């Protein structure tokens, strides 16, 4: 009996070290060598400081920025530690009210009543962390962003086109626009003040 217990404890310790220490270190080392950017969270760094990740959405509500897809994570939007969707059905009154409120906000931002609003601007993704919007959702925001930044609509449309990612491997998913990288590109263009100077 004692010999079997010793063998069991020894096997437990060996496999704990192998699967709990050695394996994670090997996988982490390979990832750091082969894919360092992805292994470190696909962070975007500006002036030596991380401003976000290409993989996790952020809230934007200033008119001079493109707005992200809504997030239903708690206790705050885009909380990577609490990834979740709303879990509300399309017939749930709370879901209907939330969508109506988002449509109203978009209409008040200058989108005309006869312009269809892409569904990804009024519904949250399953994770609540989606960093992308559809090209249509980006294009519909161009007039507001251009007006707020005193830029030509065509210049902003060109930025959207430059930041539109195609299907993965040319087959998977849909074309998409990373909101954070697009907004950072806008900031590098500059914001014009009322007197026409770039600040």
Protein backbone atom coordinates (compact mmCIF):
# COMPACT_ATOMS: atom_id res chain seq x y z
CA UNK A 1 0.00 0.00 0.00
CA UNK A 2 2.77 2.44 0.98
CA UNK A 3 4.70 1.65 -2.22
CA UNK A 4 1.62 2.39 -4.36
CA UNK A 5 1.07 5.69 -2.52
CA UNK A 6 4.72 6.68 -3.07
CA UNK A 7 4.44 5.84 -6.79
CA UNK A 8 1.21 7.84 -7.11
CA UNK A 9 2.67 10.90 -5.39
CA UNK A 10 5.84 10.67 -7.50
CA UNK A 11 3.81 10.49 -10.74
CA UNK A 12 1.68 13.43 -9.58
CA UNK A 13 4.79 15.52 -8.92
CA UNK A 14 6.43 14.58 -12.22
CA UNK A 15 3.35 15.39 -14.29
CA UNK A 16 2.71 18.57 -12.31
CA UNK A 17 6.19 19.80 -13.18
CA UNK A 18 5.91 18.65 -16.81
CA UNK A 19 2.44 20.08 -17.52
CA UNK A 20 2.49 23.00 -15.08
CA UNK A 21 6.03 24.32 -15.58
CA UNK A 22 7.98 22.75 -18.44
CA UNK A 23 5.20 22.71 -21.07
CA UNK A 24 4.05 26.34 -20.48
CA UNK A 25 7.66 27.57 -20.55
CA UNK A 26 8.40 25.74 -23.81
CA UNK A 27 5.20 26.99 -25.49
CA UNK A 28 5.80 30.55 -24.24
CA UNK A 29 9.40 30.44 -25.47
CA UNK A 30 8.38 29.20 -28.93
CA UNK A 31 5.66 31.87 -29.14
CA UNK A 32 8.08 34.63 -28.10
CA UNK A 33 10.59 33.52 -30.75
CA UNK A 34 8.18 32.78 -33.62
CA UNK A 35 5.34 35.27 -32.95
CA UNK A 36 6.51 37.89 -30.42
CA UNK A 37 3.89 40.50 -31.35
CA UNK A 38 0.98 38.09 -30.97
CA UNK A 39 2.43 36.44 -27.86
CA UNK A 40 2.56 39.83 -26.14
CA UNK A 41 -1.10 40.62 -26.90
CA UNK A 42 -0.79 42.48 -30.24
CA UNK A 43 -0.24 45.71 -28.34
CA UNK A 44 -0.13 49.02 -30.21
CA UNK A 45 2.51 51.36 -28.78
CA UNK A 46 2.67 55.10 -29.42
CA UNK A 47 5.45 57.31 -28.00
CA UNK A 48 6.63 54.43 -25.83
CA UNK A 49 3.22 53.80 -24.23
CA UNK A 50 0.70 51.05 -25.04
CA UNK A 51 -2.55 52.60 -26.29
CA UNK A 52 -4.45 49.36 -26.78
CA UNK A 53 -4.49 46.02 -28.51
CA UNK A 54 -5.41 45.17 -32.09
CA UNK A 55 -7.48 42.33 -30.64
CA UNK A 56 -9.63 44.14 -28.05
CA UNK A 57 -12.13 46.88 -28.83
CA UNK A 58 -12.23 50.24 -27.07
CA UNK A 59 -15.03 52.75 -26.49
CA UNK A 60 -15.03 55.88 -28.66
CA UNK A 61 -17.81 58.47 -28.40
CA UNK A 62 -16.10 61.67 -29.54
CA UNK A 63 -17.53 62.76 -32.94
CA UNK A 64 -14.00 63.11 -34.38
CA UNK A 65 -13.43 59.34 -33.99
CA UNK A 66 -14.99 56.31 -35.60
CA UNK A 67 -17.24 54.57 -33.09
CA UNK A 68 -16.77 50.92 -32.22
CA UNK A 69 -19.29 48.14 -32.08
CA UNK A 70 -21.30 48.26 -28.81
CA UNK A 71 -20.04 46.15 -25.92
CA UNK A 72 -22.11 44.49 -23.20
CA UNK A 73 -19.28 43.38 -20.91
CA UNK A 74 -19.52 44.29 -17.26
CA UNK A 75 -18.98 46.28 -15.18
CA UNK A 76 -17.59 48.50 -17.96
CA UNK A 77 -17.66 48.17 -21.78
CA UNK A 78 -14.79 46.30 -23.50
CA UNK A 79 -13.71 44.66 -20.22
CA UNK A 80 -11.30 41.93 -21.34
CA UNK A 81 -11.60 40.24 -17.96
CA UNK A 82 -15.34 39.76 -18.42
CA UNK A 83 -15.90 38.82 -22.06
CA UNK A 84 -19.60 38.26 -22.77
CA UNK A 85 -22.51 39.22 -24.98
CA UNK A 86 -25.83 40.62 -23.82
CA UNK A 87 -27.54 37.21 -23.91
CA UNK A 88 -30.76 39.01 -24.82
CA UNK A 89 -32.98 37.64 -27.58
CA UNK A 90 -33.98 39.84 -30.49
CA UNK A 91 -37.52 39.94 -29.08
CA UNK A 92 -36.45 41.01 -25.58
CA UNK A 93 -37.79 44.54 -24.84
CA UNK A 94 -34.47 45.54 -23.25
CA UNK A 95 -32.63 44.56 -26.45
CA UNK A 96 -35.14 46.43 -28.61
CA UNK A 97 -34.82 49.55 -26.42
CA UNK A 98 -31.00 49.40 -26.51
CA UNK A 99 -30.98 49.12 -30.31
CA UNK A 100 -33.45 52.01 -30.66
CA UNK A 101 -31.28 54.19 -28.38
CA UNK A 102 -28.18 53.40 -30.47
CA UNK A 103 -30.04 54.19 -33.70
CA UNK A 104 -31.22 57.50 -32.21
CA UNK A 105 -27.63 58.40 -31.22
CA UNK A 106 -26.40 57.62 -34.73
CA UNK A 107 -29.22 59.65 -36.32
CA UNK A 108 -28.43 62.58 -34.02
CA UNK A 109 -24.79 62.39 -35.15
CA UNK A 110 -25.92 63.29 -38.68
CA UNK A 111 -26.89 60.00 -40.37
CA UNK A 112 -30.06 60.71 -42.32
CA UNK A 113 -33.26 58.80 -41.66
CA UNK A 114 -33.25 57.21 -45.12
CA UNK A 115 -29.73 55.76 -44.74
CA UNK A 116 -29.70 52.14 -43.55
CA UNK A 117 -27.55 51.61 -40.45
CA UNK A 118 -25.30 48.51 -40.48
CA UNK A 119 -26.32 46.02 -37.80
CA UNK A 120 -22.86 45.91 -36.21
CA UNK A 121 -23.21 49.55 -35.09
CA UNK A 122 -26.30 48.78 -33.01
CA UNK A 123 -25.71 45.23 -31.73
CA UNK A 124 -22.95 43.85 -29.51
CA UNK A 125 -20.76 40.94 -30.54
CA UNK A 126 -20.80 37.64 -28.67
CA UNK A 127 -17.53 38.48 -26.89
CA UNK A 128 -18.22 42.18 -26.31
CA UNK A 129 -14.60 42.82 -27.30
CA UNK A 130 -14.78 42.95 -31.09
CA UNK A 131 -12.15 45.49 -32.27
CA UNK A 132 -13.55 45.59 -35.82
CA UNK A 133 -16.53 47.06 -37.62
CA UNK A 134 -17.68 46.36 -41.14
CA UNK A 135 -16.49 48.64 -43.97
CA UNK A 136 -20.12 49.79 -44.34
CA UNK A 137 -20.22 50.75 -40.64
CA UNK A 138 -17.03 52.78 -41.13
CA UNK A 139 -18.19 54.46 -44.35
CA UNK A 140 -21.46 55.59 -42.79
CA UNK A 141 -19.46 57.49 -40.14
CA UNK A 142 -17.19 59.28 -42.63
CA UNK A 143 -19.25 62.51 -42.93
CA UNK A 144 -19.40 62.99 -39.14
CA UNK A 145 -15.68 62.34 -38.64
CA UNK A 146 -14.69 64.54 -41.59
CA UNK A 147 -16.94 67.35 -40.34
CA UNK A 148 -15.56 67.15 -36.77
CA UNK A 149 -11.97 67.17 -38.03
CA UNK A 150 -12.56 69.68 -40.83
CA UNK A 151 -11.19 67.22 -43.34
CA UNK A 152 -12.37 66.37 -46.82
CA UNK A 153 -14.78 63.39 -46.92
CA UNK A 154 -12.70 61.76 -49.65
CA UNK A 155 -9.54 61.91 -47.52
CA UNK A 156 -11.32 60.16 -44.65
CA UNK A 157 -12.84 57.60 -47.04
CA UNK A 158 -9.35 56.87 -48.36
CA UNK A 159 -8.14 56.21 -44.80
CA UNK A 160 -11.03 53.80 -44.29
CA UNK A 161 -10.10 51.99 -47.51
CA UNK A 162 -6.44 51.79 -46.44
CA UNK A 163 -7.46 50.25 -43.09
CA UNK A 164 -9.95 47.75 -44.50
CA UNK A 165 -8.65 44.22 -43.97
CA UNK A 166 -9.70 41.52 -46.42
CA UNK A 167 -10.90 38.01 -45.70
CA UNK A 168 -8.40 35.85 -43.87
CA UNK A 169 -6.47 33.76 -46.41
CA UNK A 170 -8.85 35.29 -48.97
CA UNK A 171 -11.62 32.94 -47.81
CA UNK A 172 -12.53 33.23 -44.13
CA UNK A 173 -14.71 35.88 -42.54
CA UNK A 174 -15.72 39.21 -43.99
CA UNK A 175 -13.77 42.38 -44.78
CA UNK A 176 -13.36 44.46 -41.63
CA UNK A 177 -11.89 47.68 -40.26
CA UNK A 178 -9.93 47.83 -37.01
CA UNK A 179 -11.38 50.88 -35.23
CA UNK A 180 -8.36 51.62 -33.03
CA UNK A 181 -5.80 51.55 -35.86
CA UNK A 182 -8.10 53.69 -38.03
CA UNK A 183 -8.54 56.28 -35.26
CA UNK A 184 -4.79 56.36 -34.62
CA UNK A 185 -4.25 56.99 -38.33
CA UNK A 186 -6.75 59.86 -38.14
CA UNK A 187 -4.83 61.37 -35.23
CA UNK A 188 -1.63 61.26 -37.26
CA UNK A 189 -3.37 63.27 -40.00
CA UNK A 190 -4.16 65.96 -37.45
CA UNK A 191 -7.20 67.85 -36.29
CA UNK A 192 -7.80 71.28 -37.75
CA UNK A 193 -8.93 74.06 -35.47
CA UNK A 194 -11.47 76.69 -36.40
CA UNK A 195 -8.83 78.95 -37.94
CA UNK A 196 -7.62 76.20 -40.22
CA UNK A 197 -4.40 75.42 -38.34
CA UNK A 198 -3.53 71.82 -37.58
CA UNK A 199 -3.11 71.24 -33.89
